Amino acid sequence: MQGSGAGERCVRVTVHCRQVRVEAGDGRQVSLSYPGILLSGFEDGKAVCERWVPFGAEPTEEDDERLVEALHQALLWQEHQSECPM
């Protein structure tokens, strides 16, 4: 979702687990869950965009860098300095 107005913006940061269902080799459905950070952008109280940034059980430096970049872009958006990057 993209917000293009000049309304009041805020970014919510939450820890979030994504669930994915995949078919196992024997035809069974298997549910996998993995953690990440969900960045949700709100404009005038309405959710207009979101970005999910995954990280492993033992986050790496690469995970940290990806999260810092996503937070930076989200804050620029919040200050009306960029389009919704999420």
N, C-alpha and C. Protein backbone atom coordinates (compact mmCIF):
# COMPACT_ATOMS: atom_id res chain seq x y z
N MET A 1 0.85 -1.17 0.00
CA MET A 1 0.00 0.00 0.00
C MET A 1 0.89 1.23 0.00
N GLN A 2 0.47 2.26 -0.66
CA GLN A 2 1.27 3.48 -0.70
C GLN A 2 0.43 4.67 -0.25
N GLY A 3 1.01 5.52 0.56
CA GLY A 3 0.37 6.76 0.94
C GLY A 3 1.03 7.90 0.20
N SER A 4 0.23 8.81 -0.37
CA SER A 4 0.84 9.89 -1.14
C SER A 4 0.43 11.26 -0.63
N GLY A 5 -0.41 11.32 0.41
CA GLY A 5 -0.85 12.60 0.91
C GLY A 5 0.18 13.26 1.79
N ALA A 6 -0.21 14.42 2.36
CA ALA A 6 0.70 15.15 3.23
C ALA A 6 0.15 15.17 4.65
N GLY A 7 -0.54 14.12 5.04
CA GLY A 7 -1.14 14.05 6.37
C GLY A 7 -0.13 13.72 7.44
N GLU A 8 -0.65 13.54 8.66
CA GLU A 8 0.20 13.18 9.79
C GLU A 8 0.61 11.71 9.66
N ARG A 9 1.90 11.46 9.74
CA ARG A 9 2.43 10.11 9.56
C ARG A 9 3.10 9.61 10.83
N CYS A 10 3.00 8.30 11.04
CA CYS A 10 3.75 7.66 12.11
C CYS A 10 4.11 6.24 11.67
N VAL A 11 5.14 5.70 12.29
CA VAL A 11 5.60 4.35 11.99
C VAL A 11 5.53 3.53 13.27
N ARG A 12 4.92 2.37 13.18
CA ARG A 12 4.85 1.44 14.30
C ARG A 12 5.84 0.30 14.04
N VAL A 13 6.61 -0.05 15.06
CA VAL A 13 7.61 -1.11 14.96
C VAL A 13 7.21 -2.22 15.93
N THR A 14 7.00 -3.44 15.41
CA THR A 14 6.62 -4.56 16.27
C THR A 14 7.38 -5.81 15.86
N VAL A 15 7.63 -6.67 16.85
CA VAL A 15 8.20 -7.99 16.56
C VAL A 15 7.05 -8.84 16.06
N HIS A 16 7.29 -9.57 14.98
CA HIS A 16 6.21 -10.30 14.33
C HIS A 16 6.74 -11.61 13.77
N CYS A 17 5.99 -12.68 13.94
CA CYS A 17 6.36 -13.97 13.33
C CYS A 17 5.49 -14.21 12.11
N ARG A 18 6.12 -14.55 11.03
CA ARG A 18 5.40 -14.90 9.81
C ARG A 18 5.17 -16.40 9.79
N GLN A 19 4.01 -16.80 9.34
CA GLN A 19 3.67 -18.22 9.21
C GLN A 19 3.55 -18.53 7.72
N VAL A 20 4.18 -19.61 7.32
CA VAL A 20 4.12 -20.05 5.93
C VAL A 20 3.75 -21.53 5.92
N ARG A 21 2.83 -21.90 5.05
CA ARG A 21 2.47 -23.32 4.89
C ARG A 21 3.07 -23.80 3.58
N VAL A 22 3.76 -24.92 3.67
CA VAL A 22 4.37 -25.53 2.48
C VAL A 22 4.01 -27.01 2.47
N GLU A 23 4.06 -27.57 1.28
CA GLU A 23 3.77 -28.99 1.15
C GLU A 23 5.06 -29.77 1.32
N ALA A 24 5.01 -30.74 2.22
CA ALA A 24 6.16 -31.62 2.44
C ALA A 24 6.23 -32.63 1.29
N GLY A 25 7.34 -33.29 1.16
CA GLY A 25 7.53 -34.25 0.08
C GLY A 25 6.50 -35.37 0.05
N ASP A 26 5.91 -35.68 1.18
CA ASP A 26 4.93 -36.76 1.24
C ASP A 26 3.49 -36.26 1.11
N GLY A 27 3.32 -35.00 0.72
CA GLY A 27 1.99 -34.43 0.52
C GLY A 27 1.38 -33.77 1.74
N ARG A 28 2.02 -33.90 2.89
CA ARG A 28 1.52 -33.23 4.10
C ARG A 28 1.77 -31.73 4.02
N GLN A 29 0.93 -30.96 4.68
CA GLN A 29 1.15 -29.53 4.83
C GLN A 29 1.98 -29.31 6.09
N VAL A 30 3.03 -28.51 5.97
CA VAL A 30 3.89 -28.19 7.10
C VAL A 30 3.82 -26.68 7.30
N SER A 31 3.68 -26.25 8.54
CA SER A 31 3.64 -24.84 8.87
C SER A 31 4.98 -24.42 9.45
N LEU A 32 5.57 -23.40 8.87
CA LEU A 32 6.84 -22.87 9.36
C LEU A 32 6.61 -21.46 9.88
N SER A 33 7.33 -21.10 10.92
CA SER A 33 7.23 -19.77 11.50
C SER A 33 8.63 -19.20 11.63
N TYR A 34 8.78 -17.91 11.27
CA TYR A 34 10.08 -17.29 11.46
C TYR A 34 9.91 -15.83 11.86
N PRO A 35 10.81 -15.34 12.73
CA PRO A 35 10.66 -14.01 13.32
C PRO A 35 11.15 -12.89 12.42
N GLY A 36 10.62 -11.71 12.71
CA GLY A 36 11.05 -10.52 12.01
C GLY A 36 10.50 -9.29 12.70
N ILE A 37 10.77 -8.15 12.10
CA ILE A 37 10.27 -6.87 12.58
C ILE A 37 9.29 -6.35 11.54
N LEU A 38 8.09 -5.98 11.98
CA LEU A 38 7.08 -5.42 11.08
C LEU A 38 7.06 -3.91 11.26
N LEU A 39 7.33 -3.19 10.18
CA LEU A 39 7.25 -1.73 10.17
C LEU A 39 5.95 -1.36 9.49
N SER A 40 5.06 -0.69 10.20
CA SER A 40 3.76 -0.31 9.65
C SER A 40 3.68 1.20 9.58
N GLY A 41 3.38 1.73 8.40
CA GLY A 41 3.26 3.16 8.21
C GLY A 41 1.80 3.58 8.25
N PHE A 42 1.50 4.60 9.06
CA PHE A 42 0.14 5.11 9.19
C PHE A 42 0.12 6.57 8.77
N GLU A 43 -0.90 6.93 8.01
CA GLU A 43 -1.10 8.32 7.63
C GLU A 43 -2.51 8.72 8.03
N ASP A 44 -2.61 9.77 8.84
CA ASP A 44 -3.90 10.21 9.38
C ASP A 44 -4.66 9.05 10.02
N GLY A 45 -3.94 8.19 10.74
CA GLY A 45 -4.55 7.09 11.47
C GLY A 45 -4.86 5.84 10.67
N LYS A 46 -4.63 5.87 9.36
CA LYS A 46 -4.91 4.70 8.52
C LYS A 46 -3.61 4.03 8.10
N ALA A 47 -3.60 2.69 8.14
CA ALA A 47 -2.44 1.94 7.66
C ALA A 47 -2.33 2.13 6.15
N VAL A 48 -1.16 2.58 5.70
CA VAL A 48 -0.98 2.82 4.26
C VAL A 48 0.14 1.99 3.66
N CYS A 49 1.02 1.45 4.49
CA CYS A 49 2.09 0.61 3.96
C CYS A 49 2.73 -0.17 5.10
N GLU A 50 3.39 -1.26 4.74
CA GLU A 50 4.13 -2.02 5.75
C GLU A 50 5.28 -2.75 5.09
N ARG A 51 6.27 -3.04 5.92
CA ARG A 51 7.44 -3.79 5.46
C ARG A 51 7.82 -4.75 6.58
N TRP A 52 8.09 -5.97 6.19
CA TRP A 52 8.51 -6.98 7.15
C TRP A 52 9.99 -7.26 6.91
N VAL A 53 10.79 -7.16 7.96
CA VAL A 53 12.23 -7.38 7.87
C VAL A 53 12.56 -8.64 8.67
N PRO A 54 12.93 -9.74 7.99
CA PRO A 54 13.21 -10.99 8.71
C PRO A 54 14.53 -10.95 9.46
N PHE A 55 14.61 -11.74 10.51
CA PHE A 55 15.89 -11.98 11.17
C PHE A 55 15.88 -13.39 11.73
N GLY A 56 17.03 -13.99 11.83
CA GLY A 56 17.12 -15.38 12.29
C GLY A 56 17.13 -15.48 13.81
N ALA A 57 17.21 -16.71 14.28
CA ALA A 57 17.25 -16.96 15.72
C ALA A 57 18.49 -16.33 16.34
N GLU A 58 19.56 -16.26 15.57
CA GLU A 58 20.79 -15.59 15.98
C GLU A 58 21.11 -14.54 14.92
N PRO A 59 20.53 -13.32 15.07
CA PRO A 59 20.70 -12.29 14.04
C PRO A 59 22.17 -12.02 13.73
N THR A 60 22.43 -11.81 12.46
CA THR A 60 23.78 -11.54 11.99
C THR A 60 23.98 -10.03 11.84
N GLU A 61 25.19 -9.64 11.55
CA GLU A 61 25.47 -8.23 11.27
C GLU A 61 24.69 -7.79 10.04
N GLU A 62 24.54 -8.67 9.07
CA GLU A 62 23.75 -8.36 7.86
C GLU A 62 22.29 -8.10 8.23
N ASP A 63 21.73 -8.90 9.15
CA ASP A 63 20.36 -8.67 9.64
C ASP A 63 20.26 -7.29 10.28
N ASP A 64 21.24 -6.95 11.10
CA ASP A 64 21.26 -5.64 11.77
C ASP A 64 21.29 -4.51 10.76
N GLU A 65 22.14 -4.62 9.76
CA GLU A 65 22.26 -3.58 8.73
C GLU A 65 20.96 -3.42 7.96
N ARG A 66 20.31 -4.54 7.62
CA ARG A 66 19.04 -4.50 6.88
C ARG A 66 17.98 -3.80 7.72
N LEU A 67 17.94 -4.08 9.03
CA LEU A 67 16.97 -3.45 9.91
C LEU A 67 17.24 -1.96 10.07
N VAL A 68 18.49 -1.58 10.26
CA VAL A 68 18.84 -0.16 10.39
C VAL A 68 18.43 0.60 9.13
N GLU A 69 18.70 0.04 7.96
CA GLU A 69 18.32 0.70 6.70
C GLU A 69 16.80 0.83 6.59
N ALA A 70 16.07 -0.21 6.96
CA ALA A 70 14.61 -0.16 6.89
C ALA A 70 14.05 0.89 7.86
N LEU A 71 14.61 0.96 9.07
CA LEU A 71 14.19 1.97 10.04
C LEU A 71 14.49 3.37 9.54
N HIS A 72 15.66 3.55 8.95
CA HIS A 72 16.04 4.85 8.39
C HIS A 72 15.04 5.29 7.31
N GLN A 73 14.73 4.39 6.39
CA GLN A 73 13.77 4.71 5.32
C GLN A 73 12.39 5.01 5.89
N ALA A 74 11.97 4.25 6.90
CA ALA A 74 10.66 4.47 7.51
C ALA A 74 10.59 5.84 8.18
N LEU A 75 11.66 6.25 8.85
CA LEU A 75 11.66 7.56 9.50
C LEU A 75 11.70 8.70 8.49
N LEU A 76 12.40 8.51 7.38
CA LEU A 76 12.35 9.52 6.31
C LEU A 76 10.93 9.67 5.79
N TRP A 77 10.25 8.54 5.59
CA TRP A 77 8.86 8.58 5.12
C TRP A 77 8.00 9.32 6.14
N GLN A 78 8.19 9.02 7.43
CA GLN A 78 7.41 9.65 8.48
C GLN A 78 7.54 11.17 8.44
N GLU A 79 8.71 11.65 8.08
CA GLU A 79 8.98 13.09 8.02
C GLU A 79 8.68 13.69 6.65
N HIS A 80 7.97 12.94 5.79
CA HIS A 80 7.59 13.40 4.45
C HIS A 80 8.79 13.67 3.56
N GLN A 81 9.88 12.95 3.78
CA GLN A 81 11.09 13.15 2.98
C GLN A 81 11.28 12.07 1.93
N SER A 82 10.35 11.11 1.86
CA SER A 82 10.44 10.06 0.83
C SER A 82 9.07 9.44 0.63
N GLU A 83 8.94 8.68 -0.45
CA GLU A 83 7.73 7.89 -0.68
C GLU A 83 7.77 6.69 0.25
N CYS A 84 6.66 6.04 0.40
CA CYS A 84 6.58 4.90 1.31
C CYS A 84 7.51 3.78 0.84
N PRO A 85 8.58 3.50 1.59
CA PRO A 85 9.55 2.48 1.20
C PRO A 85 9.17 1.10 1.71
N MET A 86 8.10 1.03 2.44
CA MET A 86 7.77 -0.21 3.14
C MET A 86 6.90 -1.09 2.29
